Amino acid sequence: MSHPLELILPTHVHLLVLLAVLAVVSFRQPAGSWLRRGRFVWAGLFAWAFVFSIPMFADTMLSSLEGDPTRADIAAPVADPETLIVVLSSGEMRTPIGRTRVRFDVMGWERVHGGVSLWRQTGGRMVFTGGPPGDAENSLAGASGRLARELGVPDADVELSAGAMNTQQEMEQLRDRVRAHRGPVWLVTNALHMRRAVGIAESLGMDFKPWPIGFRQIADHSWRSWVPSNGTLARAQAALHEYIGLAVYSLRKGKTP
């Protein structure tokens, strides 16, 4: 539990307590009762809920995906006017009823800022991706480009690769542009997403230098890392999303053009 206020909200922590009570009570019920017959189910559900609610479990998954947060294994950026920096988008493209509505999520902001920070070290041009299909300016790519200009990137150094709805489509749109480029090519996305993005890019014959940003793994652990917390679920979900994406990518790898 990361904050005492969690005790007065209907949260995962309360579900965990309820499952713990059911598990203990079920083993004390008379033989033949429905609670006792399901005692191993309650115990299993409690174990499942407990594991996914402890920060240490989520952090282990995140660390395995993100790698070294110091970027010690990545060559330092070098100023080169021939550099191309590709920034993958992240955010909302449509409303629940299908209307176009473009706005960044936290990772979207991080990626643009991380890309501009890299550009300040290397120079060159920046390419921003993202849909939905249609008007490029009214897309995540367009919004990213506008933010980059506000942060000081000249209009002449901003390119848009708009219309893609997912990472696979983004990479397919970029394939010819990246293959034809003769200078250094960097890929900017969140550390959690980098492994999958690079895998898709390599399957399409593109060679990027990764520049991961927005590391979500915990730097220092304490006893709190073993205490269930509601905030852990979102981190575990993000890691599982990437693991499932990697599994799907592996199954489709042989069919990728």
Protein backbone atom coordinates (compact mmCIF):
# COMPACT_ATOMS: atom_id res chain seq x y z
CA MET A 1 0.00 0.00 0.00
CA SER A 2 1.58 3.28 -1.14
CA HIS A 3 -0.76 5.69 0.72
CA PRO A 4 -3.16 5.37 3.70
CA LEU A 5 -5.98 6.82 1.56
CA GLU A 6 -6.11 3.48 -0.26
CA LEU A 7 -7.85 2.09 2.82
CA ILE A 8 -10.97 4.21 2.26
CA LEU A 9 -11.28 3.56 -1.49
CA PRO A 10 -12.79 0.46 -3.14
CA THR A 11 -9.51 -0.89 -4.45
CA HIS A 12 -7.49 -3.99 -5.25
CA VAL A 13 -6.14 -4.06 -1.70
CA HIS A 14 -9.66 -4.68 -0.38
CA LEU A 15 -10.17 -7.47 -2.91
CA LEU A 16 -6.93 -9.03 -1.72
CA VAL A 17 -8.09 -8.91 1.91
CA LEU A 18 -11.45 -10.43 0.95
CA LEU A 19 -9.77 -13.31 -0.89
CA ALA A 20 -7.45 -13.89 2.07
CA VAL A 21 -10.44 -14.12 4.43
CA LEU A 22 -12.28 -16.49 2.08
CA ALA A 23 -9.20 -18.69 1.76
CA VAL A 24 -8.69 -18.94 5.54
CA VAL A 25 -12.37 -19.42 6.35
CA SER A 26 -12.87 -22.05 3.62
CA PHE A 27 -10.27 -24.37 5.18
CA ARG A 28 -12.15 -24.20 8.49
CA GLN A 29 -15.58 -25.07 7.09
CA PRO A 30 -17.20 -28.49 7.56
CA ALA A 31 -16.49 -31.09 4.90
CA GLY A 32 -18.96 -30.89 2.03
CA SER A 33 -19.76 -27.18 2.35
CA TRP A 34 -19.45 -25.10 -0.80
CA LEU A 35 -16.84 -22.86 0.80
CA ARG A 36 -14.62 -25.81 1.73
CA ARG A 37 -14.98 -27.39 -1.71
CA GLY A 38 -13.60 -24.20 -3.24
CA ARG A 39 -10.79 -23.73 -0.69
CA PHE A 40 -8.00 -24.29 -3.21
CA VAL A 41 -9.69 -21.95 -5.67
CA TRP A 42 -9.83 -19.17 -3.05
CA ALA A 43 -6.22 -19.81 -2.10
CA GLY A 44 -5.17 -19.75 -5.74
CA LEU A 45 -7.06 -16.52 -6.41
CA PHE A 46 -5.44 -14.92 -3.37
CA ALA A 47 -1.96 -15.95 -4.54
CA TRP A 48 -2.67 -14.62 -8.04
CA ALA A 49 -3.96 -11.28 -6.72
CA PHE A 50 -1.09 -10.97 -4.25
CA VAL A 51 1.68 -11.60 -6.79
CA PHE A 52 0.32 -9.05 -9.26
CA SER A 53 -0.10 -6.42 -6.55
CA ILE A 54 3.42 -6.38 -5.11
CA PRO A 55 5.78 -3.77 -6.63
CA MET A 56 8.69 -6.22 -6.76
CA PHE A 57 6.88 -8.50 -9.22
CA ALA A 58 5.95 -5.66 -11.57
CA ASP A 59 9.42 -4.19 -11.31
CA THR A 60 11.03 -7.50 -12.25
CA MET A 61 8.96 -7.61 -15.44
CA LEU A 62 9.67 -3.97 -16.22
CA SER A 63 13.41 -4.34 -15.68
CA SER A 64 13.61 -7.34 -17.99
CA LEU A 65 11.97 -5.30 -20.76
CA GLU A 66 13.62 -1.92 -20.22
CA GLY A 67 17.22 -2.94 -19.68
CA ASP A 68 19.86 -0.69 -18.13
CA PRO A 69 18.33 2.71 -17.19
CA THR A 70 21.77 4.36 -17.38
CA ARG A 71 22.00 3.60 -21.13
CA ALA A 72 25.56 2.39 -20.47
CA ASP A 73 25.24 -0.07 -23.35
CA ILE A 74 24.29 2.66 -25.86
CA ALA A 75 26.86 4.78 -27.67
CA ALA A 76 26.78 8.45 -26.67
CA PRO A 77 25.09 10.74 -29.24
CA VAL A 78 27.45 12.64 -31.53
CA ALA A 79 26.67 15.87 -33.34
CA ASP A 80 26.03 15.09 -37.01
CA PRO A 81 23.81 17.14 -39.36
CA GLU A 82 22.98 13.95 -41.25
CA THR A 83 21.25 12.45 -38.21
CA LEU A 84 17.65 11.26 -38.49
CA ILE A 85 15.64 10.90 -35.28
CA VAL A 86 12.42 8.90 -35.43
CA VAL A 87 10.00 9.54 -32.56
CA LEU A 88 7.12 7.06 -32.18
CA SER A 89 3.88 8.56 -30.95
CA SER A 90 1.72 7.62 -27.99
CA GLY A 91 -1.70 8.94 -27.10
CA GLU A 92 -5.39 8.94 -27.84
CA MET A 93 -6.59 9.09 -31.45
CA ARG A 94 -10.36 8.64 -31.17
CA THR A 95 -13.18 8.98 -28.65
CA PRO A 96 -15.10 5.88 -27.47
CA ILE A 97 -17.75 6.56 -30.14
CA GLY A 98 -15.20 6.84 -32.95
CA ARG A 99 -14.74 10.59 -33.36
CA THR A 100 -11.24 11.88 -33.99
CA ARG A 101 -9.69 13.28 -30.82
CA VAL A 102 -5.92 13.59 -30.66
CA ARG A 103 -4.16 14.10 -27.36
CA PHE A 104 -0.95 12.83 -25.80
CA ASP A 105 -0.74 10.45 -22.90
CA VAL A 106 2.20 10.62 -20.47
CA MET A 107 4.39 8.51 -22.73
CA GLY A 108 3.58 10.73 -25.70
CA TRP A 109 4.91 13.79 -23.89
CA GLU A 110 7.98 11.88 -22.74
CA ARG A 111 8.81 10.72 -26.25
CA VAL A 112 8.64 14.17 -27.83
CA HIS A 113 10.69 15.74 -25.05
CA GLY A 114 13.19 12.88 -25.16
CA GLY A 115 13.50 13.17 -28.92
CA VAL A 116 14.08 16.93 -28.80
CA SER A 117 16.68 16.45 -26.06
CA LEU A 118 18.49 13.98 -28.31
CA TRP A 119 18.21 16.34 -31.30
CA ARG A 120 19.91 19.08 -29.28
CA GLN A 121 22.92 16.78 -28.98
CA THR A 122 23.00 15.49 -32.54
CA GLY A 123 21.26 18.00 -34.81
CA GLY A 124 19.73 16.69 -38.02
CA ARG A 125 16.07 16.04 -38.77
CA MET A 126 13.22 14.61 -36.74
CA VAL A 127 10.38 12.37 -37.97
CA PHE A 128 7.22 12.06 -35.88
CA THR A 129 4.73 9.23 -36.35
CA GLY A 130 1.13 8.61 -35.40
CA GLY A 131 -2.46 8.51 -36.58
CA PRO A 132 -5.33 8.47 -37.05
CA PRO A 133 -5.53 8.32 -40.85
CA GLY A 134 -6.53 11.58 -42.52
CA ASP A 135 -5.21 15.09 -42.07
CA ALA A 136 -1.56 14.84 -40.98
CA GLU A 137 -1.74 17.99 -38.89
CA ASN A 138 -4.74 16.62 -36.99
CA SER A 139 -2.88 13.52 -35.85
CA LEU A 140 -0.46 12.48 -33.13
CA ALA A 141 2.34 13.05 -35.65
CA GLY A 142 1.12 16.59 -36.24
CA ALA A 143 0.72 17.30 -32.52
CA SER A 144 4.23 15.97 -31.88
CA GLY A 145 5.65 18.13 -34.63
CA ARG A 146 3.98 21.25 -33.21
CA LEU A 147 5.33 20.54 -29.74
CA ALA A 148 8.84 19.99 -31.16
CA ARG A 149 8.68 23.37 -32.90
CA GLU A 150 7.56 25.00 -29.64
CA LEU A 151 10.62 23.44 -28.00
CA GLY A 152 12.92 25.01 -30.54
CA VAL A 153 13.23 22.57 -33.43
CA PRO A 154 13.17 24.51 -36.74
CA ASP A 155 10.24 23.79 -39.02
CA ALA A 156 12.67 22.66 -41.74
CA ASP A 157 13.94 19.89 -39.45
CA VAL A 158 10.49 18.41 -38.71
CA GLU A 159 8.90 15.66 -40.80
CA LEU A 160 5.57 13.91 -40.28
CA SER A 161 4.83 10.25 -40.94
CA ALA A 162 1.13 10.31 -40.11
CA GLY A 163 -1.77 7.89 -40.31
CA ALA A 164 -0.44 4.76 -38.61
CA MET A 165 -2.55 3.16 -35.89
CA ASN A 166 0.09 0.92 -34.28
CA THR A 167 3.82 0.25 -34.15
CA GLN A 168 3.76 -2.22 -37.04
CA GLN A 169 2.13 0.33 -39.34
CA GLU A 170 4.49 3.07 -38.17
CA MET A 171 7.51 0.96 -39.09
CA GLU A 172 6.08 -0.05 -42.45
CA GLN A 173 5.50 3.62 -43.32
CA LEU A 174 9.06 4.50 -42.30
CA ARG A 175 10.77 1.60 -44.08
CA ASP A 176 11.71 3.33 -47.35
CA ARG A 177 12.63 6.60 -45.63
CA VAL A 178 14.97 4.92 -43.17
CA ARG A 179 16.53 2.51 -45.66
CA ALA A 180 17.39 5.39 -47.99
CA HIS A 181 18.99 7.48 -45.25
CA ARG A 182 22.79 7.47 -45.20
CA GLY A 183 23.43 9.09 -41.81
CA PRO A 184 22.85 7.90 -38.23
CA VAL A 185 19.25 6.91 -37.47
CA TRP A 186 17.96 7.01 -33.89
CA LEU A 187 14.70 5.56 -32.58
CA VAL A 188 13.03 7.29 -29.64
CA THR A 189 10.33 5.54 -27.64
CA ASN A 190 9.73 4.51 -24.05
CA ALA A 191 12.16 1.97 -22.67
CA LEU A 192 9.27 -0.41 -22.03
CA HIS A 193 8.28 -0.29 -25.72
CA MET A 194 11.77 -0.24 -27.27
CA ARG A 195 12.38 -3.99 -27.45
CA ARG A 196 9.22 -4.63 -29.46
CA ALA A 197 9.72 -1.57 -31.68
CA VAL A 198 13.30 -2.53 -32.55
CA GLY A 199 12.24 -6.12 -33.24
CA ILE A 200 9.61 -5.00 -35.74
CA ALA A 201 12.05 -2.55 -37.33
CA GLU A 202 14.73 -5.20 -37.78
CA SER A 203 12.24 -7.58 -39.38
CA LEU A 204 11.60 -4.86 -41.98
CA GLY A 205 15.28 -4.36 -42.68
CA MET A 206 15.74 -1.14 -40.70
CA ASP A 207 18.72 -0.48 -38.46
CA PHE A 208 18.14 1.97 -35.62
CA LYS A 209 20.21 3.24 -32.72
CA PRO A 210 17.83 2.96 -29.76
CA TRP A 211 17.29 5.94 -27.46
CA PRO A 212 14.95 4.68 -24.72
CA ILE A 213 13.30 7.22 -22.42
CA GLY A 214 10.77 7.17 -19.58
CA PHE A 215 12.11 4.22 -17.58
CA ARG A 216 9.45 2.94 -15.18
CA GLN A 217 11.44 0.42 -13.18
CA ILE A 218 12.09 1.16 -9.50
CA ALA A 219 15.66 2.27 -8.83
CA ASP A 220 15.81 1.41 -5.12
CA HIS A 221 13.83 -1.29 -3.33
CA SER A 222 12.75 -1.40 0.29
CA TRP A 223 10.37 -3.49 2.36
CA ARG A 224 7.53 -1.60 0.68
CA SER A 225 8.37 -3.44 -2.54
CA TRP A 226 6.78 -6.53 -0.98
CA VAL A 227 3.62 -4.77 0.28
CA PRO A 228 0.57 -4.92 -2.05
CA SER A 229 -0.21 -1.60 -3.70
CA ASN A 230 -2.98 -0.45 -6.01
CA GLY A 231 -0.49 1.49 -8.12
CA THR A 232 1.30 -1.72 -9.02
CA LEU A 233 -1.53 -2.98 -11.22
CA ALA A 234 -1.03 -0.31 -13.88
CA ARG A 235 2.71 -1.04 -14.03
CA ALA A 236 2.09 -4.79 -14.27
CA GLN A 237 -0.50 -4.21 -17.00
CA ALA A 238 1.97 -2.13 -19.02
CA ALA A 239 4.59 -4.87 -18.79
CA LEU A 240 2.10 -7.61 -19.70
CA HIS A 241 0.97 -5.56 -22.71
CA GLU A 242 4.54 -5.59 -24.03
CA TYR A 243 5.06 -9.29 -23.31
CA ILE A 244 1.87 -10.14 -25.20
CA GLY A 245 2.94 -7.83 -28.02
CA LEU A 246 6.31 -9.57 -28.22
CA ALA A 247 4.59 -12.97 -28.28
CA VAL A 248 2.27 -11.89 -31.10
CA TYR A 249 5.23 -10.38 -32.98
CA SER A 250 7.15 -13.67 -32.65
CA LEU A 251 4.21 -15.62 -34.08
CA ARG A 252 3.89 -13.22 -37.03
CA LYS A 253 7.60 -12.72 -37.62
CA GLY A 254 7.82 -15.25 -40.39
CA LYS A 255 4.96 -13.52 -42.24
CA THR A 256 6.37 -9.99 -42.00
CA PRO A 257 7.33 -8.60 -45.42
